[in-house]
Amino acid sequence: MKKLLLSLSMIALLSSVSMAAVQNIAVVDVPAVVAKSAQVQNLKKEQKAKMADLEKWLKNAQTDVNKQTAKESKEKLLKKYNAEFAKKKQTLASDYQKKLSAIDKSITETITTKARALGYDMVISKSMVIMGGDDITAEIQKVVK
């Protein structure tokens, strides 16, 4: 549904733009660019390592809770660890989202800069184009970090 709305919006946009004013249209396979980005790959590795650390912490917390013999102290400790886990998980997700947004902005700026340097007036995501436009994905992949 979201893609359909985006497609219809793109068609409306293209219909309203005078094709005489837009001379050069490029298309970019954005998912392919993102997949080859060293920044994205490093972020994924970093996130994986942080998740492994969180799992290790969780196992240690579970061991600590299981060591408790009194039901009351076990419940108190479990509550403490649950709150701590939720906070750690939220922080991890928030940090990841901030870094991902920064990378997205960087890739978008790189695409814009390179497309302008190549003389294009408009760049459209390849997933939105059935036909037409010059595919500059390879050129973009070379300059994206």
C-alpha atoms as a PDB file:
ATOM      1  CA  MET A   1       0.000   0.000   0.000  1.00  0.00           C
ATOM      2  CA  LYS A   2       2.831   2.350   0.908  1.00  0.00           C
ATOM      3  CA  LYS A   3       4.610   1.648  -2.387  1.00  0.00           C
ATOM      4  CA  LEU A   4       1.391   2.213  -4.314  1.00  0.00           C
ATOM      5  CA  LEU A   5       0.891   5.605  -2.682  1.00  0.00           C
ATOM      6  CA  LEU A   6       4.523   6.475  -3.322  1.00  0.00           C
ATOM      7  CA  SER A   7       4.162   5.376  -6.956  1.00  0.00           C
ATOM      8  CA  LEU A   8       1.045   7.470  -7.421  1.00  0.00           C
ATOM      9  CA  SER A   9       2.767  10.447  -5.826  1.00  0.00           C
ATOM     10  CA  MET A  10       5.734   9.994  -8.146  1.00  0.00           C
ATOM     11  CA  ILE A  11       3.458   9.823 -11.194  1.00  0.00           C
ATOM     12  CA  ALA A  12       1.665  12.984 -10.084  1.00  0.00           C
ATOM     13  CA  LEU A  13       5.005  14.708  -9.525  1.00  0.00           C
ATOM     14  CA  LEU A  14       6.326  13.708 -12.901  1.00  0.00           C
ATOM     15  CA  SER A  15       3.068  14.735 -14.563  1.00  0.00           C
ATOM     16  CA  SER A  16       3.232  18.181 -13.019  1.00  0.00           C
ATOM     17  CA  VAL A  17       6.856  18.753 -13.958  1.00  0.00           C
ATOM     18  CA  SER A  18       7.387  20.070 -17.420  1.00  0.00           C
ATOM     19  CA  MET A  19       9.439  17.445 -19.202  1.00  0.00           C
ATOM     20  CA  ALA A  20      11.039  20.205 -21.259  1.00  0.00           C
ATOM     21  CA  ALA A  21      12.587  21.578 -18.065  1.00  0.00           C
ATOM     22  CA  VAL A  22      13.866  18.175 -16.959  1.00  0.00           C
ATOM     23  CA  GLN A  23      16.369  17.034 -19.524  1.00  0.00           C
ATOM     24  CA  ASN A  24      18.439  14.389 -17.812  1.00  0.00           C
ATOM     25  CA  ILE A  25      16.919  11.826 -15.485  1.00  0.00           C
ATOM     26  CA  ALA A  26      19.005   9.305 -13.600  1.00  0.00           C
ATOM     27  CA  VAL A  27      17.907   6.260 -11.666  1.00  0.00           C
ATOM     28  CA  VAL A  28      19.728   4.740  -8.706  1.00  0.00           C
ATOM     29  CA  ASP A  29      19.246   1.336  -7.107  1.00  0.00           C
ATOM     30  CA  VAL A  30      19.336   2.713  -3.575  1.00  0.00           C
ATOM     31  CA  PRO A  31      19.208  -0.685  -1.773  1.00  0.00           C
ATOM     32  CA  ALA A  32      22.232  -1.821  -3.829  1.00  0.00           C
ATOM     33  CA  VAL A  33      24.115   1.350  -2.896  1.00  0.00           C
ATOM     34  CA  VAL A  34      23.234   0.927   0.776  1.00  0.00           C
ATOM     35  CA  ALA A  35      24.260  -2.750   0.727  1.00  0.00           C
ATOM     36  CA  LYS A  36      27.724  -1.874  -0.601  1.00  0.00           C
ATOM     37  CA  SER A  37      28.235   1.033   1.786  1.00  0.00           C
ATOM     38  CA  ALA A  38      31.154   0.493   4.162  1.00  0.00           C
ATOM     39  CA  GLN A  39      29.397   2.723   6.703  1.00  0.00           C
ATOM     40  CA  VAL A  40      26.345   0.456   6.703  1.00  0.00           C
ATOM     41  CA  GLN A  41      28.459  -2.700   6.907  1.00  0.00           C
ATOM     42  CA  ASN A  42      30.444  -1.274   9.832  1.00  0.00           C
ATOM     43  CA  LEU A  43      27.243  -0.222  11.590  1.00  0.00           C
ATOM     44  CA  LYS A  44      25.822  -3.736  11.185  1.00  0.00           C
ATOM     45  CA  LYS A  45      29.017  -5.265  12.641  1.00  0.00           C
ATOM     46  CA  GLU A  46      28.931  -2.796  15.528  1.00  0.00           C
ATOM     47  CA  GLN A  47      25.254  -3.533  16.201  1.00  0.00           C
ATOM     48  CA  LYS A  48      25.890  -7.284  16.093  1.00  0.00           C
ATOM     49  CA  ALA A  49      28.728  -6.937  18.627  1.00  0.00           C
ATOM     50  CA  LYS A  50      26.556  -4.804  20.905  1.00  0.00           C
ATOM     51  CA  MET A  51      23.731  -7.342  20.697  1.00  0.00           C
ATOM     52  CA  ALA A  52      26.180 -10.116  21.611  1.00  0.00           C
ATOM     53  CA  ASP A  53      27.307  -8.080  24.627  1.00  0.00           C
ATOM     54  CA  LEU A  54      23.683  -7.543  25.622  1.00  0.00           C
ATOM     55  CA  GLU A  55      22.978 -11.274  25.346  1.00  0.00           C
ATOM     56  CA  LYS A  56      26.021 -11.997  27.509  1.00  0.00           C
ATOM     57  CA  TRP A  57      24.809  -9.480  30.085  1.00  0.00           C
ATOM     58  CA  LEU A  58      21.355 -11.070  29.997  1.00  0.00           C
ATOM     59  CA  LYS A  59      22.784 -14.552  30.620  1.00  0.00           C
ATOM     60  CA  ASN A  60      24.810 -13.230  33.552  1.00  0.00           C
ATOM     61  CA  ALA A  61      21.709 -11.554  34.950  1.00  0.00           C
ATOM     62  CA  GLN A  62      19.722 -14.767  34.610  1.00  0.00           C
ATOM     63  CA  THR A  63      22.473 -16.694  36.395  1.00  0.00           C
ATOM     64  CA  ASP A  64      22.485 -14.104  39.174  1.00  0.00           C
ATOM     65  CA  VAL A  65      18.705 -14.353  39.555  1.00  0.00           C
ATOM     66  CA  ASN A  66      18.827 -18.161  39.603  1.00  0.00           C
ATOM     67  CA  LYS A  67      21.390 -18.070  42.431  1.00  0.00           C
ATOM     68  CA  GLN A  68      18.874 -16.383  44.704  1.00  0.00           C
ATOM     69  CA  THR A  69      17.119 -18.760  47.063  1.00  0.00           C
ATOM     70  CA  ALA A  70      14.559 -16.481  48.653  1.00  0.00           C
ATOM     71  CA  LYS A  71      11.535 -15.840  46.463  1.00  0.00           C
ATOM     72  CA  GLU A  72      11.326 -12.201  47.527  1.00  0.00           C
ATOM     73  CA  SER A  73      14.945 -11.379  46.699  1.00  0.00           C
ATOM     74  CA  LYS A  74      14.665 -13.311  43.430  1.00  0.00           C
ATOM     75  CA  GLU A  75      11.634 -11.252  42.350  1.00  0.00           C
ATOM     76  CA  LYS A  76      13.285  -7.988  43.419  1.00  0.00           C
ATOM     77  CA  LEU A  77      16.453  -8.795  41.485  1.00  0.00           C
ATOM     78  CA  LEU A  78      14.470  -9.934  38.452  1.00  0.00           C
ATOM     79  CA  LYS A  79      12.524  -6.662  38.460  1.00  0.00           C
ATOM     80  CA  LYS A  80      15.781  -4.698  38.686  1.00  0.00           C
ATOM     81  CA  TYR A  81      17.338  -6.616  35.788  1.00  0.00           C
ATOM     82  CA  ASN A  82      14.204  -6.313  33.649  1.00  0.00           C
ATOM     83  CA  ALA A  83      14.235  -2.535  34.049  1.00  0.00           C
ATOM     84  CA  GLU A  84      17.950  -2.389  33.319  1.00  0.00           C
ATOM     85  CA  PHE A  85      17.527  -4.611  30.249  1.00  0.00           C
ATOM     86  CA  ALA A  86      14.723  -2.443  28.874  1.00  0.00           C
ATOM     87  CA  LYS A  87      16.871   0.666  29.304  1.00  0.00           C
ATOM     88  CA  LYS A  88      19.901  -0.941  27.632  1.00  0.00           C
ATOM     89  CA  LYS A  89      17.767  -2.202  24.751  1.00  0.00           C
ATOM     90  CA  GLN A  90      16.152   1.219  24.231  1.00  0.00           C
ATOM     91  CA  THR A  91      19.534   2.968  24.280  1.00  0.00           C
ATOM     92  CA  LEU A  92      20.936   0.465  21.802  1.00  0.00           C
ATOM     93  CA  ALA A  93      17.990   0.928  19.425  1.00  0.00           C
ATOM     94  CA  SER A  94      18.101   4.712  19.727  1.00  0.00           C
ATOM     95  CA  ASP A  95      21.845   4.881  19.012  1.00  0.00           C
ATOM     96  CA  TYR A  96      21.440   2.568  16.027  1.00  0.00           C
ATOM     97  CA  GLN A  97      18.614   4.675  14.597  1.00  0.00           C
ATOM     98  CA  LYS A  98      20.618   7.905  14.988  1.00  0.00           C
ATOM     99  CA  LYS A  99      23.625   6.411  13.225  1.00  0.00           C
ATOM    100  CA  LEU A 100      21.448   4.929  10.484  1.00  0.00           C
ATOM    101  CA  SER A 101      19.799   8.319   9.900  1.00  0.00           C
ATOM    102  CA  ALA A 102      23.211   9.983   9.610  1.00  0.00           C
ATOM    103  CA  ILE A 103      24.334   7.365   7.084  1.00  0.00           C
ATOM    104  CA  ASP A 104      21.101   7.814   5.107  1.00  0.00           C
ATOM    105  CA  LYS A 105      21.680  11.557   4.981  1.00  0.00           C
ATOM    106  CA  SER A 106      25.283  11.040   3.884  1.00  0.00           C
ATOM    107  CA  ILE A 107      24.283   8.638   1.095  1.00  0.00           C
ATOM    108  CA  THR A 108      21.533  10.989  -0.105  1.00  0.00           C
ATOM    109  CA  GLU A 109      23.994  13.909  -0.204  1.00  0.00           C
ATOM    110  CA  THR A 110      26.519  11.783  -2.078  1.00  0.00           C
ATOM    111  CA  ILE A 111      23.925  10.749  -4.655  1.00  0.00           C
ATOM    112  CA  THR A 112      22.866  14.373  -5.115  1.00  0.00           C
ATOM    113  CA  THR A 113      26.423  15.646  -5.482  1.00  0.00           C
ATOM    114  CA  LYS A 114      27.494  12.915  -7.915  1.00  0.00           C
ATOM    115  CA  ALA A 115      24.320  13.203 -10.011  1.00  0.00           C
ATOM    116  CA  ARG A 116      24.776  16.954 -10.326  1.00  0.00           C
ATOM    117  CA  ALA A 117      28.419  16.458 -11.282  1.00  0.00           C
ATOM    118  CA  LEU A 118      27.281  14.039 -13.984  1.00  0.00           C
ATOM    119  CA  GLY A 119      24.803  16.628 -15.276  1.00  0.00           C
ATOM    120  CA  TYR A 120      21.519  15.134 -14.122  1.00  0.00           C
ATOM    121  CA  ASP A 121      18.506  17.272 -13.291  1.00  0.00           C
ATOM    122  CA  MET A 122      16.569  14.570 -11.461  1.00  0.00           C
ATOM    123  CA  VAL A 123      17.341  11.294  -9.690  1.00  0.00           C
ATOM    124  CA  ILE A 124      14.656   8.712  -9.059  1.00  0.00           C
ATOM    125  CA  SER A 125      14.887   5.492  -7.106  1.00  0.00           C
ATOM    126  CA  LYS A 126      15.159   2.602  -9.556  1.00  0.00           C
ATOM    127  CA  SER A 127      12.402   0.740  -7.726  1.00  0.00           C
ATOM    128  CA  MET A 128       9.967   3.484  -8.775  1.00  0.00           C
ATOM    129  CA  VAL A 129      10.862   3.408 -12.481  1.00  0.00           C
ATOM    130  CA  ILE A 130       9.497   0.906 -14.942  1.00  0.00           C
ATOM    131  CA  MET A 131      11.313   2.338 -17.924  1.00  0.00           C
ATOM    132  CA  GLY A 132      13.700   5.158 -18.730  1.00  0.00           C
ATOM    133  CA  GLY A 133      16.399   7.150 -17.044  1.00  0.00           C
ATOM    134  CA  ASP A 134      20.123   6.514 -16.987  1.00  0.00           C
ATOM    135  CA  ASP A 135      21.171   4.007 -14.314  1.00  0.00           C
ATOM    136  CA  ILE A 136      24.028   5.616 -12.380  1.00  0.00           C
ATOM    137  CA  THR A 137      24.083   3.062  -9.550  1.00  0.00           C
ATOM    138  CA  ALA A 138      27.619   1.863 -10.339  1.00  0.00           C
ATOM    139  CA  GLU A 139      28.998   5.412 -10.333  1.00  0.00           C
ATOM    140  CA  ILE A 140      27.284   6.118  -7.017  1.00  0.00           C
ATOM    141  CA  GLN A 141      28.596   2.899  -5.450  1.00  0.00           C
ATOM    142  CA  LYS A 142      32.139   3.972  -6.289  1.00  0.00           C
ATOM    143  CA  VAL A 143      31.856   7.191  -4.277  1.00  0.00           C
ATOM    144  CA  VAL A 144      29.654   6.097  -1.373  1.00  0.00           C
ATOM    145  CA  LYS A 145      31.668   5.371   1.743  1.00  0.00           C
END
